[in-house]
Amino acid sequence: MKKFIVTYLAPSDDAWKTAESSPEEMEKGMKAWMAWAEKCGSKLLDFGTPLGNGLTLGPGGSSIDSDSKIIGYSILQADSMDEARSLLKEHPHLDWNAACMIEVHESLSVPGM
């Protein structure tokens, strides 16, 4: 089995709007995510968390606030990218906002480790 890192992308302004959602709206949104997690079963290794307050680090110790649209992650286990993609079909993140996207990357082994 291979491991896949899933990142959730959205405009940062939209990401913070969820904090302003009513408890009912949040519960409804989480039900969709929990249904997705249940569909994945044991192939969902890490449900993940929302991400924020990113920092971009550069050479010599420089840093700036990140302008990345990555707002969260999950980790899947699958036999192939096609299987990982099928696990992400109809993912609730994609229904949240027309600008929302998902990236999925295969975690590759480090040579010599």
N, C-alpha and C. Protein backbone atom coordinates (compact mmCIF):
# COMPACT_ATOMS: atom_id res chain seq x y z
N MET A 1 0.85 -1.20 0.00
CA MET A 1 0.00 0.00 0.00
C MET A 1 0.88 1.24 0.00
N LYS A 2 0.38 2.26 -0.69
CA LYS A 2 1.06 3.54 -0.76
C LYS A 2 0.34 4.54 0.14
N LYS A 3 1.07 5.58 0.50
CA LYS A 3 0.49 6.63 1.33
C LYS A 3 0.33 7.88 0.47
N PHE A 4 -0.81 8.57 0.64
CA PHE A 4 -1.12 9.77 -0.13
C PHE A 4 -1.45 10.92 0.82
N ILE A 5 -0.81 12.05 0.56
CA ILE A 5 -1.07 13.26 1.34
C ILE A 5 -2.10 14.08 0.57
N VAL A 6 -3.19 14.38 1.22
CA VAL A 6 -4.28 15.13 0.62
C VAL A 6 -4.27 16.52 1.24
N THR A 7 -4.23 17.55 0.39
CA THR A 7 -4.32 18.91 0.90
C THR A 7 -5.57 19.57 0.36
N TYR A 8 -6.20 20.33 1.21
CA TYR A 8 -7.44 21.03 0.87
C TYR A 8 -7.10 22.50 0.64
N LEU A 9 -7.49 23.01 -0.51
CA LEU A 9 -7.19 24.38 -0.87
C LEU A 9 -8.47 25.21 -0.97
N ALA A 10 -8.40 26.45 -0.50
CA ALA A 10 -9.52 27.39 -0.59
C ALA A 10 -8.96 28.79 -0.38
N PRO A 11 -9.63 29.79 -0.92
CA PRO A 11 -9.21 31.16 -0.63
C PRO A 11 -9.21 31.38 0.88
N SER A 12 -8.14 31.99 1.40
CA SER A 12 -8.02 32.11 2.85
C SER A 12 -9.18 32.89 3.47
N ASP A 13 -9.73 33.86 2.77
CA ASP A 13 -10.88 34.61 3.31
C ASP A 13 -12.07 33.68 3.54
N ASP A 14 -12.29 32.76 2.61
CA ASP A 14 -13.40 31.82 2.74
C ASP A 14 -13.17 30.83 3.86
N ALA A 15 -11.92 30.45 4.06
CA ALA A 15 -11.60 29.47 5.10
C ALA A 15 -11.99 29.98 6.48
N TRP A 16 -11.79 31.27 6.71
CA TRP A 16 -12.09 31.82 8.03
C TRP A 16 -13.58 32.04 8.24
N LYS A 17 -14.38 32.00 7.15
CA LYS A 17 -15.82 32.18 7.28
C LYS A 17 -16.47 31.03 8.06
N THR A 18 -15.84 29.87 8.05
CA THR A 18 -16.42 28.74 8.79
C THR A 18 -16.44 29.03 10.28
N ALA A 19 -15.51 29.84 10.74
CA ALA A 19 -15.50 30.20 12.17
C ALA A 19 -16.73 31.02 12.53
N GLU A 20 -17.32 31.66 11.53
CA GLU A 20 -18.51 32.48 11.76
C GLU A 20 -19.80 31.69 11.55
N SER A 21 -19.70 30.42 11.19
CA SER A 21 -20.89 29.59 10.94
C SER A 21 -21.62 29.31 12.23
N SER A 22 -22.91 29.10 12.10
CA SER A 22 -23.71 28.74 13.27
C SER A 22 -23.36 27.30 13.67
N PRO A 23 -23.63 26.93 14.92
CA PRO A 23 -23.38 25.55 15.34
C PRO A 23 -24.11 24.53 14.46
N GLU A 24 -25.30 24.87 13.99
CA GLU A 24 -26.06 23.98 13.13
C GLU A 24 -25.36 23.79 11.78
N GLU A 25 -24.85 24.90 11.22
CA GLU A 25 -24.13 24.81 9.95
C GLU A 25 -22.85 24.00 10.09
N MET A 26 -22.15 24.20 11.20
CA MET A 26 -20.92 23.43 11.45
C MET A 26 -21.22 21.95 11.59
N GLU A 27 -22.29 21.63 12.31
CA GLU A 27 -22.68 20.23 12.50
C GLU A 27 -23.03 19.58 11.16
N LYS A 28 -23.76 20.29 10.34
CA LYS A 28 -24.13 19.77 9.02
C LYS A 28 -22.88 19.52 8.18
N GLY A 29 -21.96 20.47 8.19
CA GLY A 29 -20.71 20.31 7.44
C GLY A 29 -19.88 19.14 7.93
N MET A 30 -19.83 18.96 9.24
CA MET A 30 -19.04 17.85 9.80
C MET A 30 -19.69 16.50 9.52
N LYS A 31 -21.01 16.46 9.41
CA LYS A 31 -21.68 15.19 9.06
C LYS A 31 -21.21 14.71 7.70
N ALA A 32 -21.08 15.64 6.75
CA ALA A 32 -20.62 15.27 5.41
C ALA A 32 -19.18 14.75 5.46
N TRP A 33 -18.34 15.40 6.26
CA TRP A 33 -16.95 14.95 6.40
C TRP A 33 -16.88 13.58 7.08
N MET A 34 -17.70 13.38 8.09
CA MET A 34 -17.69 12.10 8.79
C MET A 34 -18.21 10.97 7.89
N ALA A 35 -19.17 11.28 7.02
CA ALA A 35 -19.66 10.29 6.06
C ALA A 35 -18.54 9.92 5.09
N TRP A 36 -17.75 10.92 4.67
CA TRP A 36 -16.61 10.64 3.80
C TRP A 36 -15.59 9.77 4.53
N ALA A 37 -15.30 10.09 5.78
CA ALA A 37 -14.34 9.30 6.56
C ALA A 37 -14.82 7.86 6.70
N GLU A 38 -16.09 7.69 6.93
CA GLU A 38 -16.65 6.34 7.06
C GLU A 38 -16.52 5.58 5.74
N LYS A 39 -16.76 6.25 4.62
CA LYS A 39 -16.62 5.63 3.31
C LYS A 39 -15.19 5.14 3.10
N CYS A 40 -14.21 5.92 3.56
CA CYS A 40 -12.80 5.55 3.40
C CYS A 40 -12.40 4.40 4.31
N GLY A 41 -13.03 4.32 5.48
CA GLY A 41 -12.70 3.26 6.43
C GLY A 41 -11.24 3.28 6.82
N SER A 42 -10.61 2.11 6.83
CA SER A 42 -9.22 2.00 7.29
C SER A 42 -8.22 2.61 6.31
N LYS A 43 -8.68 3.01 5.14
CA LYS A 43 -7.79 3.66 4.17
C LYS A 43 -7.51 5.12 4.54
N LEU A 44 -8.30 5.66 5.47
CA LEU A 44 -8.04 7.00 5.98
C LEU A 44 -7.13 6.85 7.19
N LEU A 45 -5.84 7.09 6.99
CA LEU A 45 -4.86 6.90 8.06
C LEU A 45 -4.91 8.04 9.08
N ASP A 46 -5.16 9.26 8.58
CA ASP A 46 -5.19 10.44 9.46
C ASP A 46 -6.23 11.39 8.90
N PHE A 47 -7.31 11.61 9.65
CA PHE A 47 -8.37 12.53 9.22
C PHE A 47 -7.79 13.91 8.96
N GLY A 48 -6.78 14.29 9.73
CA GLY A 48 -6.13 15.59 9.57
C GLY A 48 -6.80 16.67 10.39
N THR A 49 -6.40 17.89 10.11
CA THR A 49 -6.92 19.07 10.81
C THR A 49 -6.92 20.26 9.86
N PRO A 50 -7.64 21.31 10.24
CA PRO A 50 -7.49 22.56 9.50
C PRO A 50 -6.08 23.11 9.73
N LEU A 51 -5.59 23.90 8.79
CA LEU A 51 -4.28 24.53 8.91
C LEU A 51 -4.44 26.04 8.75
N GLY A 52 -3.59 26.80 9.41
CA GLY A 52 -3.63 28.25 9.30
C GLY A 52 -2.36 28.86 9.85
N ASN A 53 -2.26 30.16 9.74
CA ASN A 53 -1.13 30.92 10.27
C ASN A 53 0.19 30.42 9.72
N GLY A 54 0.24 30.14 8.39
CA GLY A 54 1.44 29.60 7.76
C GLY A 54 2.55 30.63 7.65
N LEU A 55 3.76 30.11 7.60
CA LEU A 55 4.96 30.92 7.50
C LEU A 55 5.83 30.31 6.42
N THR A 56 6.35 31.13 5.51
CA THR A 56 7.28 30.69 4.48
C THR A 56 8.68 31.06 4.92
N LEU A 57 9.52 30.04 5.07
CA LEU A 57 10.90 30.25 5.53
C LEU A 57 11.84 30.26 4.33
N GLY A 58 12.83 31.13 4.38
CA GLY A 58 13.80 31.23 3.30
C GLY A 58 15.23 31.11 3.80
N PRO A 59 16.17 31.15 2.88
CA PRO A 59 17.59 31.04 3.24
C PRO A 59 18.00 32.16 4.20
N GLY A 60 18.93 31.85 5.04
CA GLY A 60 19.46 32.86 5.95
C GLY A 60 18.51 33.24 7.07
N GLY A 61 17.46 32.47 7.29
CA GLY A 61 16.54 32.75 8.38
C GLY A 61 15.41 33.70 8.03
N SER A 62 15.28 34.08 6.77
CA SER A 62 14.20 34.99 6.39
C SER A 62 12.86 34.26 6.47
N SER A 63 11.81 35.02 6.67
CA SER A 63 10.47 34.43 6.71
C SER A 63 9.44 35.50 6.37
N ILE A 64 8.33 35.02 5.75
CA ILE A 64 7.20 35.89 5.45
C ILE A 64 5.93 35.08 5.71
N ASP A 65 4.83 35.78 5.92
CA ASP A 65 3.55 35.09 6.07
C ASP A 65 3.27 34.32 4.77
N SER A 66 2.80 33.10 4.92
CA SER A 66 2.51 32.27 3.76
C SER A 66 1.28 32.78 3.02
N ASP A 67 1.32 32.71 1.69
CA ASP A 67 0.14 33.06 0.90
C ASP A 67 -0.48 31.80 0.30
N SER A 68 -0.14 30.64 0.85
CA SER A 68 -0.67 29.37 0.38
C SER A 68 -2.17 29.29 0.62
N LYS A 69 -2.84 28.59 -0.27
CA LYS A 69 -4.27 28.38 -0.12
C LYS A 69 -4.57 27.05 0.58
N ILE A 70 -3.52 26.38 1.07
CA ILE A 70 -3.73 25.11 1.77
C ILE A 70 -4.34 25.41 3.14
N ILE A 71 -5.53 24.84 3.39
CA ILE A 71 -6.24 25.12 4.64
C ILE A 71 -6.45 23.86 5.49
N GLY A 72 -5.94 22.71 5.02
CA GLY A 72 -6.10 21.49 5.78
C GLY A 72 -5.47 20.31 5.05
N TYR A 73 -5.46 19.16 5.73
CA TYR A 73 -4.86 17.97 5.13
C TYR A 73 -5.52 16.72 5.67
N SER A 74 -5.32 15.62 4.97
CA SER A 74 -5.65 14.26 5.41
C SER A 74 -4.58 13.34 4.84
N ILE A 75 -4.50 12.12 5.37
CA ILE A 75 -3.57 11.13 4.84
C ILE A 75 -4.35 9.85 4.54
N LEU A 76 -4.24 9.41 3.28
CA LEU A 76 -4.91 8.20 2.83
C LEU A 76 -3.89 7.10 2.55
N GLN A 77 -4.37 5.88 2.55
CA GLN A 77 -3.59 4.72 2.15
C GLN A 77 -4.36 4.06 1.01
N ALA A 78 -3.67 3.76 -0.10
CA ALA A 78 -4.32 3.16 -1.25
C ALA A 78 -3.28 2.42 -2.08
N ASP A 79 -3.75 1.56 -2.96
CA ASP A 79 -2.86 0.80 -3.83
C ASP A 79 -2.30 1.66 -4.97
N SER A 80 -3.03 2.70 -5.36
CA SER A 80 -2.63 3.51 -6.52
C SER A 80 -3.24 4.91 -6.41
N MET A 81 -2.74 5.80 -7.28
CA MET A 81 -3.31 7.14 -7.35
C MET A 81 -4.77 7.06 -7.79
N ASP A 82 -5.08 6.13 -8.68
CA ASP A 82 -6.47 5.98 -9.12
C ASP A 82 -7.38 5.63 -7.95
N GLU A 83 -6.92 4.74 -7.07
CA GLU A 83 -7.74 4.38 -5.91
C GLU A 83 -7.86 5.58 -4.96
N ALA A 84 -6.76 6.30 -4.74
CA ALA A 84 -6.81 7.49 -3.89
C ALA A 84 -7.80 8.50 -4.47
N ARG A 85 -7.74 8.67 -5.77
CA ARG A 85 -8.66 9.60 -6.44
C ARG A 85 -10.11 9.15 -6.24
N SER A 86 -10.37 7.85 -6.33
CA SER A 86 -11.74 7.37 -6.15
C SER A 86 -12.22 7.60 -4.73
N LEU A 87 -11.32 7.53 -3.74
CA LEU A 87 -11.70 7.79 -2.35
C LEU A 87 -12.08 9.27 -2.15
N LEU A 88 -11.55 10.13 -3.02
CA LEU A 88 -11.82 11.56 -2.91
C LEU A 88 -12.98 12.03 -3.78
N LYS A 89 -13.56 11.10 -4.54
CA LYS A 89 -14.69 11.44 -5.38
C LYS A 89 -15.86 11.91 -4.50
N GLU A 90 -16.48 12.99 -4.89
CA GLU A 90 -17.60 13.58 -4.16
C GLU A 90 -17.23 13.99 -2.73
N HIS A 91 -15.99 14.40 -2.53
CA HIS A 91 -15.53 14.85 -1.21
C HIS A 91 -16.27 16.14 -0.83
N PRO A 92 -16.69 16.27 0.43
CA PRO A 92 -17.47 17.45 0.84
C PRO A 92 -16.73 18.78 0.70
N HIS A 93 -15.41 18.76 0.72
CA HIS A 93 -14.66 20.01 0.56
C HIS A 93 -14.97 20.66 -0.79
N LEU A 94 -15.17 19.83 -1.81
CA LEU A 94 -15.40 20.34 -3.16
C LEU A 94 -16.79 20.95 -3.32
N ASP A 95 -17.70 20.65 -2.40
CA ASP A 95 -19.05 21.22 -2.44
C ASP A 95 -19.16 22.50 -1.63
N TRP A 96 -18.13 22.84 -0.89
CA TRP A 96 -18.19 23.96 0.03
C TRP A 96 -18.17 25.31 -0.69
N ASN A 97 -17.37 25.39 -1.76
CA ASN A 97 -17.17 26.66 -2.44
C ASN A 97 -16.63 26.36 -3.83
N ALA A 98 -17.03 27.13 -4.83
CA ALA A 98 -16.58 26.88 -6.20
C ALA A 98 -15.07 27.01 -6.36
N ALA A 99 -14.42 27.75 -5.48
CA ALA A 99 -12.97 27.94 -5.56
C ALA A 99 -12.19 26.85 -4.82
N CYS A 100 -12.88 25.96 -4.13
CA CYS A 100 -12.20 24.91 -3.36
C CYS A 100 -11.63 23.85 -4.29
N MET A 101 -10.46 23.38 -3.93
CA MET A 101 -9.80 22.32 -4.69
C MET A 101 -9.13 21.37 -3.72
N ILE A 102 -8.78 20.19 -4.24
CA ILE A 102 -8.04 19.20 -3.47
C ILE A 102 -6.81 18.81 -4.28
N GLU A 103 -5.67 18.72 -3.62
CA GLU A 103 -4.48 18.16 -4.23
C GLU A 103 -4.16 16.86 -3.50
N VAL A 104 -3.71 15.88 -4.26
CA VAL A 104 -3.30 14.61 -3.66
C VAL A 104 -1.93 14.26 -4.21
N HIS A 105 -1.02 13.93 -3.31
CA HIS A 105 0.35 13.61 -3.67
C HIS A 105 0.73 12.27 -3.06
N GLU A 106 1.40 11.44 -3.85
CA GLU A 106 1.92 10.19 -3.31
C GLU A 106 3.15 10.48 -2.47
N SER A 107 3.19 9.91 -1.29
CA SER A 107 4.36 10.02 -0.43
C SER A 107 5.38 9.01 -0.91
N LEU A 108 6.54 9.52 -1.38
CA LEU A 108 7.58 8.66 -1.94
C LEU A 108 8.62 8.31 -0.88
N SER A 109 9.24 7.18 -1.03
CA SER A 109 10.27 6.78 -0.08
C SER A 109 11.53 7.61 -0.29
N VAL A 110 12.25 7.79 0.78
CA VAL A 110 13.51 8.54 0.72
C VAL A 110 14.61 7.52 0.43
N PRO A 111 15.40 7.75 -0.63
CA PRO A 111 16.46 6.79 -0.94
C PRO A 111 17.40 6.59 0.24
N GLY A 112 17.73 5.36 0.52
CA GLY A 112 18.66 5.05 1.60
C GLY A 112 18.05 5.00 2.98
N MET A 113 16.75 5.20 3.07
CA MET A 113 16.11 5.17 4.40
C MET A 113 15.12 4.05 4.48
